[in-house]
N, C-alpha and C. Protein backbone atom coordinates (compact mmCIF):
# COMPACT_ATOMS: atom_id res chain seq x y z
N UNK A 1 -4.47 -12.80 15.75
CA UNK A 1 -3.95 -11.82 16.73
C UNK A 1 -3.89 -10.24 16.25
N UNK A 2 -3.55 -10.25 14.79
CA UNK A 2 -3.56 -8.98 14.26
C UNK A 2 -4.98 -8.26 14.34
N UNK A 3 -5.96 -9.09 14.06
CA UNK A 3 -7.29 -8.54 14.10
C UNK A 3 -7.75 -8.11 15.39
N UNK A 4 -7.36 -8.85 16.42
CA UNK A 4 -7.63 -8.45 17.78
C UNK A 4 -7.02 -7.12 18.09
N UNK A 5 -5.59 -6.87 17.80
CA UNK A 5 -4.93 -5.65 18.04
C UNK A 5 -5.67 -4.46 17.33
N UNK A 6 -6.02 -4.77 15.89
CA UNK A 6 -6.56 -3.64 15.27
C UNK A 6 -8.01 -3.41 15.87
N UNK A 7 -8.63 -4.42 16.26
CA UNK A 7 -10.11 -4.15 16.86
C UNK A 7 -9.85 -3.43 18.17
N UNK A 8 -8.92 -3.69 19.10
CA UNK A 8 -8.65 -2.96 20.06
C UNK A 8 -8.41 -1.46 19.97
N UNK A 9 -7.67 -1.13 18.82
CA UNK A 9 -7.29 0.21 18.64
C UNK A 9 -8.74 0.89 18.01
N UNK A 10 -9.38 0.18 17.28
CA UNK A 10 -10.66 0.68 16.83
C UNK A 10 -11.59 1.00 17.91
N UNK A 11 -11.95 0.05 18.71
CA UNK A 11 -12.77 0.12 19.67
C UNK A 11 -12.28 1.08 20.85
N UNK A 12 -11.10 0.99 21.19
CA UNK A 12 -10.46 1.99 22.23
C UNK A 12 -10.64 3.37 21.81
N UNK A 13 -10.41 3.64 20.36
CA UNK A 13 -10.47 5.00 19.81
C UNK A 13 -12.00 5.38 19.72
N UNK A 14 -12.83 4.40 19.47
CA UNK A 14 -14.28 4.80 19.54
C UNK A 14 -14.76 5.20 20.98
N UNK A 15 -14.48 4.58 21.79
CA UNK A 15 -14.84 4.82 23.21
C UNK A 15 -14.25 6.12 23.63
N UNK A 16 -13.02 6.40 23.27
CA UNK A 16 -12.43 7.59 23.73
C UNK A 16 -12.93 8.81 23.06
N UNK A 17 -13.33 8.62 21.82
CA UNK A 17 -13.89 9.72 21.10
C UNK A 17 -15.32 9.94 21.48
N UNK A 18 -16.17 9.00 21.94
CA UNK A 18 -17.43 9.15 22.54
C UNK A 18 -17.31 9.86 23.90
N UNK A 19 -16.36 9.47 24.74
CA UNK A 19 -15.97 10.18 25.95
C UNK A 19 -15.74 11.62 25.65
N UNK A 20 -15.20 11.97 24.50
CA UNK A 20 -14.84 13.38 24.27
C UNK A 20 -15.95 14.10 23.61
N UNK A 21 -17.15 13.44 23.55
CA UNK A 21 -18.49 14.04 23.07
C UNK A 21 -18.65 14.13 21.61
N UNK A 22 -17.68 13.42 20.93
CA UNK A 22 -17.79 13.40 19.45
C UNK A 22 -19.11 12.42 18.99
N UNK A 23 -19.81 12.88 18.21
CA UNK A 23 -21.13 12.22 17.88
C UNK A 23 -20.64 10.79 17.38
N UNK A 24 -21.58 9.90 17.56
CA UNK A 24 -21.32 8.37 17.31
C UNK A 24 -20.85 8.01 15.96
N UNK A 25 -21.54 8.44 14.85
CA UNK A 25 -21.16 8.17 13.67
C UNK A 25 -19.65 8.70 13.14
N UNK A 26 -19.46 10.07 13.33
CA UNK A 26 -18.10 10.30 13.11
C UNK A 26 -16.93 9.61 14.06
N UNK A 27 -17.33 9.47 15.33
CA UNK A 27 -16.53 8.61 16.09
C UNK A 27 -16.17 7.40 15.48
N UNK A 28 -17.16 6.78 15.02
CA UNK A 28 -16.99 5.32 14.59
C UNK A 28 -16.14 5.30 13.35
N UNK A 29 -16.43 6.42 12.40
CA UNK A 29 -15.54 6.44 11.14
C UNK A 29 -14.12 6.82 11.61
N UNK A 30 -13.88 7.60 12.46
CA UNK A 30 -12.53 7.94 12.81
C UNK A 30 -11.80 6.71 13.37
N UNK A 31 -12.58 6.04 14.46
CA UNK A 31 -12.07 4.88 14.93
C UNK A 31 -11.74 3.86 14.12
N UNK A 32 -12.58 3.69 13.27
CA UNK A 32 -12.42 2.63 12.15
C UNK A 32 -11.14 2.84 11.16
N UNK A 33 -10.96 4.11 10.92
CA UNK A 33 -9.90 4.58 10.25
C UNK A 33 -8.36 4.17 11.01
N UNK A 34 -8.50 4.47 12.20
CA UNK A 34 -7.29 3.89 13.12
C UNK A 34 -7.15 2.51 13.20
N UNK A 35 -8.15 1.83 13.30
CA UNK A 35 -8.26 0.37 13.22
C UNK A 35 -7.55 -0.18 11.80
N UNK A 36 -7.94 0.56 10.77
CA UNK A 36 -7.50 0.10 9.35
C UNK A 36 -6.08 0.23 9.17
N UNK A 37 -5.64 1.31 9.65
CA UNK A 37 -4.14 1.54 9.50
C UNK A 37 -3.38 0.43 10.31
N UNK A 38 -3.71 0.19 11.51
CA UNK A 38 -3.18 -0.84 12.26
C UNK A 38 -3.14 -2.25 11.72
N UNK A 39 -4.45 -2.37 11.10
CA UNK A 39 -4.63 -3.71 10.64
C UNK A 39 -3.76 -3.95 9.14
N UNK A 40 -3.64 -2.82 8.42
CA UNK A 40 -2.82 -3.00 7.16
C UNK A 40 -1.33 -3.21 7.70
N UNK A 41 -0.82 -2.63 8.68
CA UNK A 41 0.54 -2.73 8.98
C UNK A 41 0.80 -4.13 9.58
N UNK A 42 -0.16 -4.86 10.35
CA UNK A 42 0.05 -6.06 10.91
C UNK A 42 -0.28 -7.10 9.86
N UNK A 43 -1.40 -6.87 8.96
CA UNK A 43 -1.62 -7.91 8.02
C UNK A 43 -0.45 -8.11 7.00
N UNK A 44 -0.04 -6.89 6.38
CA UNK A 44 0.97 -6.97 5.39
C UNK A 44 2.35 -7.44 5.93
N UNK A 45 2.64 -7.41 7.10
CA UNK A 45 3.74 -7.73 7.63
C UNK A 45 3.95 -9.17 8.27
N UNK A 46 2.65 -9.56 8.79
CA UNK A 46 2.68 -10.81 9.59
C UNK A 46 1.54 -11.73 9.04
N UNK A 47 0.26 -11.50 8.91
CA UNK A 47 -0.77 -12.25 8.55
C UNK A 47 -0.57 -12.90 7.08
N UNK A 48 -0.47 -11.90 6.28
CA UNK A 48 -0.47 -12.22 4.64
C UNK A 48 0.99 -11.99 4.11
N UNK A 49 1.99 -12.06 4.93
CA UNK A 49 3.24 -11.46 4.47
C UNK A 49 3.67 -12.14 3.20
N UNK A 50 3.40 -13.51 2.97
CA UNK A 50 4.01 -14.05 1.77
C UNK A 50 2.93 -13.78 0.58
N UNK A 51 1.93 -13.17 0.93
CA UNK A 51 0.90 -12.84 -0.35
C UNK A 51 1.06 -11.41 -0.60
N UNK A 52 1.83 -10.55 0.33
CA UNK A 52 2.10 -9.05 0.21
C UNK A 52 2.90 -8.77 -0.99
N UNK A 53 2.61 -8.07 -2.11
CA UNK A 53 3.28 -7.89 -3.17
C UNK A 53 4.50 -7.13 -2.90
N UNK A 54 5.47 -7.22 -3.63
CA UNK A 54 6.83 -6.66 -3.47
C UNK A 54 7.01 -5.73 -4.47
N UNK A 55 6.63 -5.85 -5.62
CA UNK A 55 6.71 -4.83 -6.80
C UNK A 55 6.11 -3.59 -6.39
N UNK A 56 6.76 -2.35 -6.42
CA UNK A 56 6.04 -1.07 -5.96
C UNK A 56 4.71 -1.03 -6.44
N UNK A 57 4.44 -1.10 -7.81
CA UNK A 57 3.24 -0.92 -8.42
C UNK A 57 2.17 -1.81 -7.91
N UNK A 58 2.49 -3.23 -7.89
CA UNK A 58 1.51 -4.26 -7.49
C UNK A 58 1.19 -3.89 -5.95
N UNK A 59 2.16 -3.57 -5.03
CA UNK A 59 1.78 -3.21 -3.80
C UNK A 59 0.94 -2.11 -3.63
N UNK A 60 1.11 -1.00 -4.32
CA UNK A 60 0.25 0.05 -4.29
C UNK A 60 -1.27 -0.29 -4.62
N UNK A 61 -1.29 -1.13 -5.62
CA UNK A 61 -2.56 -1.72 -6.13
C UNK A 61 -3.32 -2.51 -5.02
N UNK A 62 -2.49 -3.24 -4.47
CA UNK A 62 -2.97 -4.21 -3.25
C UNK A 62 -3.40 -3.21 -2.07
N UNK A 63 -2.55 -2.22 -1.75
CA UNK A 63 -2.98 -1.28 -0.70
C UNK A 63 -4.20 -0.46 -1.12
N UNK A 64 -4.38 -0.23 -2.18
CA UNK A 64 -5.94 0.42 -2.81
C UNK A 64 -7.02 -0.58 -2.65
N UNK A 65 -6.59 -1.73 -2.94
CA UNK A 65 -7.80 -2.82 -2.77
C UNK A 65 -8.14 -3.09 -1.24
N UNK A 66 -6.95 -2.84 -0.44
CA UNK A 66 -7.19 -3.26 1.02
C UNK A 66 -8.12 -2.08 1.47
N UNK A 67 -7.78 -0.78 1.12
CA UNK A 67 -8.53 0.50 1.41
C UNK A 67 -10.05 0.29 0.99
N UNK A 68 -10.02 -0.18 -0.44
CA UNK A 68 -11.46 -0.39 -0.80
C UNK A 68 -12.28 -1.32 0.11
N UNK A 69 -11.74 -2.27 0.49
CA UNK A 69 -12.36 -3.36 1.21
C UNK A 69 -12.77 -2.67 2.69
N UNK A 70 -11.68 -1.82 3.08
CA UNK A 70 -12.04 -1.18 4.35
C UNK A 70 -13.27 -0.28 4.30
N UNK A 71 -13.33 0.46 3.02
CA UNK A 71 -14.46 1.40 2.94
C UNK A 71 -15.73 0.64 2.88
N UNK A 72 -15.78 -0.64 2.40
CA UNK A 72 -17.00 -1.53 2.55
C UNK A 72 -17.32 -1.76 3.97
N UNK A 73 -16.18 -2.08 4.68
CA UNK A 73 -16.37 -2.19 6.32
C UNK A 73 -16.95 -0.95 6.85
N UNK A 74 -16.31 0.11 6.47
CA UNK A 74 -16.61 1.40 7.03
C UNK A 74 -18.14 1.81 6.84
N UNK A 75 -18.58 1.54 5.67
CA UNK A 75 -20.09 1.88 5.36
C UNK A 75 -20.98 0.93 6.15
N UNK A 76 -20.46 -0.27 6.28
CA UNK A 76 -21.29 -1.26 7.16
C UNK A 76 -21.42 -0.86 8.43
N UNK A 77 -20.12 -0.30 9.07
CA UNK A 77 -20.14 0.10 10.41
C UNK A 77 -21.04 1.43 10.53
N UNK A 78 -20.82 2.33 9.70
CA UNK A 78 -21.64 3.68 9.83
C UNK A 78 -23.04 3.31 9.71
N UNK A 79 -23.49 2.50 8.70
CA UNK A 79 -24.89 2.43 8.70
C UNK A 79 -25.61 1.53 9.87
N UNK A 80 -24.82 0.64 10.37
CA UNK A 80 -25.35 -0.03 11.38
C UNK A 80 -25.56 0.79 12.71
N UNK A 81 -24.54 1.64 12.97
CA UNK A 81 -24.50 2.67 14.06
C UNK A 81 -25.59 3.77 13.94
N UNK A 82 -25.64 4.18 12.51
CA UNK A 82 -26.84 5.12 12.26
C UNK A 82 -28.17 4.54 12.49
N UNK A 83 -28.41 3.18 12.09
CA UNK A 83 -29.62 2.62 12.24
C UNK A 83 -29.78 2.49 13.84
N UNK A 84 -28.89 2.10 14.56
CA UNK A 84 -29.05 1.98 16.01
C UNK A 84 -29.42 3.14 16.70
N UNK A 85 -28.95 4.29 16.28
CA UNK A 85 -29.16 5.54 16.91
C UNK A 85 -30.50 5.78 16.70
N UNK A 86 -31.11 5.53 15.33
CA UNK A 86 -32.43 5.84 15.15
C UNK A 86 -33.45 5.14 15.89
N UNK A 87 -33.03 3.99 16.38
CA UNK A 87 -33.90 3.12 17.27
C UNK A 87 -33.44 3.10 18.81
N UNK A 88 -32.71 4.26 19.02
CA UNK A 88 -32.23 4.51 20.48
C UNK A 88 -31.59 3.31 21.18
N UNK A 89 -30.56 2.72 20.34
CA UNK A 89 -29.77 1.65 20.91
C UNK A 89 -28.51 2.19 21.10
N UNK A 90 -27.89 1.81 22.26
CA UNK A 90 -26.66 2.24 22.83
C UNK A 90 -25.59 2.15 21.66
N UNK A 91 -24.95 3.17 21.27
CA UNK A 91 -23.79 3.13 20.33
C UNK A 91 -22.79 2.10 20.53
N UNK A 92 -22.34 1.82 21.71
CA UNK A 92 -21.42 0.73 22.02
C UNK A 92 -22.12 -0.56 21.67
N UNK A 93 -23.16 -0.95 21.85
CA UNK A 93 -23.81 -2.32 21.45
C UNK A 93 -23.83 -2.15 19.90
N UNK A 94 -24.16 -1.19 19.30
CA UNK A 94 -24.28 -1.06 17.82
C UNK A 94 -22.83 -1.33 17.20
N UNK A 95 -21.77 -0.77 17.92
CA UNK A 95 -20.39 -0.83 17.47
C UNK A 95 -19.92 -2.33 17.65
N UNK A 96 -20.40 -3.01 18.55
CA UNK A 96 -20.17 -4.49 18.71
C UNK A 96 -20.72 -5.22 17.63
N UNK A 97 -22.03 -4.96 17.10
CA UNK A 97 -22.81 -5.55 16.10
C UNK A 97 -21.94 -5.36 14.76
N UNK A 98 -21.61 -4.13 14.58
CA UNK A 98 -21.04 -3.52 13.44
C UNK A 98 -19.57 -4.32 13.25
N UNK A 99 -19.00 -4.48 14.32
CA UNK A 99 -17.59 -5.07 14.27
C UNK A 99 -17.68 -6.61 13.83
N UNK A 100 -18.66 -7.22 14.13
CA UNK A 100 -18.97 -8.60 13.78
C UNK A 100 -19.11 -8.67 12.20
N UNK A 101 -20.00 -7.92 11.74
CA UNK A 101 -20.60 -7.94 10.41
C UNK A 101 -19.48 -7.37 9.35
N UNK A 102 -18.80 -6.28 9.86
CA UNK A 102 -17.84 -5.70 8.90
C UNK A 102 -16.51 -6.45 9.01
N UNK A 103 -16.24 -7.07 10.14
CA UNK A 103 -15.06 -8.14 10.10
C UNK A 103 -15.16 -9.28 9.28
N UNK A 104 -16.22 -9.92 9.30
CA UNK A 104 -16.53 -11.07 8.33
C UNK A 104 -16.55 -10.67 6.91
N UNK A 105 -16.91 -9.35 6.52
CA UNK A 105 -17.11 -8.92 5.16
C UNK A 105 -15.64 -8.72 4.74
N UNK A 106 -14.92 -7.95 5.58
CA UNK A 106 -13.65 -7.58 5.05
C UNK A 106 -12.63 -8.58 5.08
N UNK A 107 -12.86 -9.42 6.02
CA UNK A 107 -11.88 -10.61 5.95
C UNK A 107 -12.04 -11.60 4.67
N UNK A 108 -13.21 -11.85 4.42
CA UNK A 108 -13.52 -12.47 3.04
C UNK A 108 -13.09 -11.79 1.73
N UNK A 109 -13.27 -10.55 1.83
CA UNK A 109 -12.74 -9.87 0.66
C UNK A 109 -11.10 -9.85 0.63
N UNK A 110 -10.40 -9.74 1.77
CA UNK A 110 -9.23 -9.65 1.82
C UNK A 110 -8.55 -11.13 1.47
N UNK A 111 -9.10 -12.15 2.09
CA UNK A 111 -8.66 -13.46 1.95
C UNK A 111 -8.69 -14.05 0.56
N UNK A 112 -9.90 -13.59 -0.09
CA UNK A 112 -10.36 -14.37 -1.35
C UNK A 112 -9.88 -13.50 -2.60
N UNK A 113 -9.68 -12.14 -2.40
CA UNK A 113 -9.44 -11.24 -3.46
C UNK A 113 -8.06 -10.44 -3.33
N UNK A 114 -7.89 -9.88 -2.25
CA UNK A 114 -6.79 -9.03 -2.08
C UNK A 114 -5.35 -9.77 -1.81
N UNK A 115 -5.43 -10.78 -0.99
CA UNK A 115 -4.25 -11.52 -0.68
C UNK A 115 -4.31 -13.00 -1.17
N UNK A 116 -5.02 -13.16 -2.26
CA UNK A 116 -5.24 -14.40 -2.85
C UNK A 116 -3.89 -14.96 -3.69
């Protein structure tokens, strides 16, 4: 459920930014960042609440790892959209593909490394 909510924040922001005439790659980066913040808040409180560190130093390290995993997803998203634009593919379709690839990648990183 948290992934769906974060995805809605991401895609909703992306579509809004495209409508505001922001170029697709910066729009995807900004929207991904919105989704990231929503995802951390929900993941750390509901999905992985038992694996979320309580010690302040450990929690900061975990947050940094979460951000690093998001950067991996962000790079994947940006590259897929950039590639799609080069081939004149609708950025909304590219975003859908990027969501699938980046979601799988970041989920595995978070499940196996960050909240292990």
